[in-house]
Every structure is written in C-alpha cells, then in structure tokens.
Amino acid sequence: MSGMLKITLVKSMIGRPEKHRKVLRGMGLTKINRTVELEDTPSIRGMVHVVSHLVKVEEKIDETE
C-alpha cells in the first residue's frame, strides 16, 4: 500500500458514539470539512471503516513514480 489517503470529515460527530469521536480525533479530524493526509496503512483503513459514514476518502496518487 504505502500511498497516502486524503480524508475529509463531511458529517458532524454530534450525537455519535464516543468510540467514533475518539477515532476521528485520533485521525486529526475535529471540524467539518477539515482534511488530513494520512499514510495508507491497515490501521488507518480500519479507522476509516469505523467512521466511513462520516468521512470522504480519496487515494492520493504520487506523480513522481
């Protein structure tokens, strides 16, 4: 894998279970429409799977390769 994922929070975490909030904070997402770029690893993919209904994920393609 070893690419990058561009993850954007598109829905509010208000009213969501504490587990979902902790996952979002762990990824660095605290406000709607905030975007973070994280390395594409199995652990990050698992975090995205837990909150997939709250985020938008794009695979960032590296042009240098």
C-alpha atoms as a PDB file:
ATOM      1  CA  MET A   1       0.000   0.000   0.000  1.00  0.00           C
ATOM      2  CA  SER A   2       2.293   2.771   1.308  1.00  0.00           C
ATOM      3  CA  GLY A   3       0.377   5.507  -0.520  1.00  0.00           C
ATOM      4  CA  MET A   4      -1.479   8.402   1.038  1.00  0.00           C
ATOM      5  CA  LEU A   5      -5.148   8.846   1.864  1.00  0.00           C
ATOM      6  CA  LYS A   6      -6.876  12.218   1.810  1.00  0.00           C
ATOM      7  CA  ILE A   7      -9.640  12.054   4.456  1.00  0.00           C
ATOM      8  CA  THR A   8     -12.280  14.783   4.863  1.00  0.00           C
ATOM      9  CA  LEU A   9     -14.882  14.995   7.642  1.00  0.00           C
ATOM     10  CA  VAL A  10     -18.224  15.641   5.913  1.00  0.00           C
ATOM     11  CA  LYS A  11     -20.732  14.971   8.710  1.00  0.00           C
ATOM     12  CA  SER A  12     -20.819  16.178  12.288  1.00  0.00           C
ATOM     13  CA  MET A  13     -19.756  13.971  15.167  1.00  0.00           C
ATOM     14  CA  ILE A  14     -22.516  15.433  17.387  1.00  0.00           C
ATOM     15  CA  GLY A  15     -24.679  12.636  18.730  1.00  0.00           C
ATOM     16  CA  ARG A  16     -22.260   9.923  17.625  1.00  0.00           C
ATOM     17  CA  PRO A  17     -20.891   7.272  19.994  1.00  0.00           C
ATOM     18  CA  GLU A  18     -17.759   8.158  21.936  1.00  0.00           C
ATOM     19  CA  LYS A  19     -15.836   5.449  20.049  1.00  0.00           C
ATOM     20  CA  HIS A  20     -16.469   7.254  16.743  1.00  0.00           C
ATOM     21  CA  ARG A  21     -15.410  10.592  18.245  1.00  0.00           C
ATOM     22  CA  LYS A  22     -12.156   9.095  19.531  1.00  0.00           C
ATOM     23  CA  VAL A  23     -11.391   7.587  16.129  1.00  0.00           C
ATOM     24  CA  LEU A  24     -11.980  10.939  14.389  1.00  0.00           C
ATOM     25  CA  ARG A  25      -9.813  12.808  16.905  1.00  0.00           C
ATOM     26  CA  GLY A  26      -7.128  10.149  16.505  1.00  0.00           C
ATOM     27  CA  MET A  27      -7.054  10.868  12.791  1.00  0.00           C
ATOM     28  CA  GLY A  28      -6.841  14.611  13.462  1.00  0.00           C
ATOM     29  CA  LEU A  29     -10.368  15.484  12.340  1.00  0.00           C
ATOM     30  CA  THR A  30     -12.131  17.923  14.652  1.00  0.00           C
ATOM     31  CA  LYS A  31     -14.263  20.161  12.415  1.00  0.00           C
ATOM     32  CA  ILE A  32     -16.474  19.601   9.381  1.00  0.00           C
ATOM     33  CA  ASN A  33     -14.711  19.994   6.015  1.00  0.00           C
ATOM     34  CA  ARG A  34     -11.279  19.635   7.617  1.00  0.00           C
ATOM     35  CA  THR A  35      -8.960  17.427   5.557  1.00  0.00           C
ATOM     36  CA  VAL A  36      -5.966  15.380   6.665  1.00  0.00           C
ATOM     37  CA  GLU A  37      -3.491  13.308   4.684  1.00  0.00           C
ATOM     38  CA  LEU A  38      -2.507  10.049   6.332  1.00  0.00           C
ATOM     39  CA  GLU A  39      -0.352   7.144   5.243  1.00  0.00           C
ATOM     40  CA  ASP A  40      -2.324   4.243   3.766  1.00  0.00           C
ATOM     41  CA  THR A  41      -1.824   1.512   6.375  1.00  0.00           C
ATOM     42  CA  PRO A  42      -4.116  -1.287   7.585  1.00  0.00           C
ATOM     43  CA  SER A  43      -4.694   0.516  10.902  1.00  0.00           C
ATOM     44  CA  ILE A  44      -5.769   3.743   9.165  1.00  0.00           C
ATOM     45  CA  ARG A  45      -8.009   1.734   6.819  1.00  0.00           C
ATOM     46  CA  GLY A  46      -9.642   0.159   9.890  1.00  0.00           C
ATOM     47  CA  MET A  47     -10.232   3.584  11.434  1.00  0.00           C
ATOM     48  CA  VAL A  48     -11.786   4.802   8.176  1.00  0.00           C
ATOM     49  CA  HIS A  49     -14.031   1.727   8.080  1.00  0.00           C
ATOM     50  CA  VAL A  50     -15.405   2.526  11.565  1.00  0.00           C
ATOM     51  CA  VAL A  51     -16.408   6.092  10.592  1.00  0.00           C
ATOM     52  CA  SER A  52     -16.941   5.601   6.852  1.00  0.00           C
ATOM     53  CA  HIS A  53     -20.425   7.164   7.090  1.00  0.00           C
ATOM     54  CA  LEU A  54     -18.898  10.435   8.398  1.00  0.00           C
ATOM     55  CA  VAL A  55     -15.890  10.884   6.106  1.00  0.00           C
ATOM     56  CA  LYS A  56     -14.949  11.100   2.430  1.00  0.00           C
ATOM     57  CA  VAL A  57     -11.776   9.257   1.434  1.00  0.00           C
ATOM     58  CA  GLU A  58      -9.649   9.799  -1.665  1.00  0.00           C
ATOM     59  CA  GLU A  59      -6.476   7.953  -2.587  1.00  0.00           C
ATOM     60  CA  LYS A  60      -3.722  10.423  -3.293  1.00  0.00           C
ATOM     61  CA  ILE A  61      -1.679   9.363  -6.302  1.00  0.00           C
ATOM     62  CA  ASP A  62       2.029  10.148  -6.209  1.00  0.00           C
ATOM     63  CA  GLU A  63       3.074  11.676  -9.559  1.00  0.00           C
ATOM     64  CA  THR A  64       6.800  11.042  -9.025  1.00  0.00           C
ATOM     65  CA  GLU A  65       6.516   7.284  -9.513  1.00  0.00           C
END
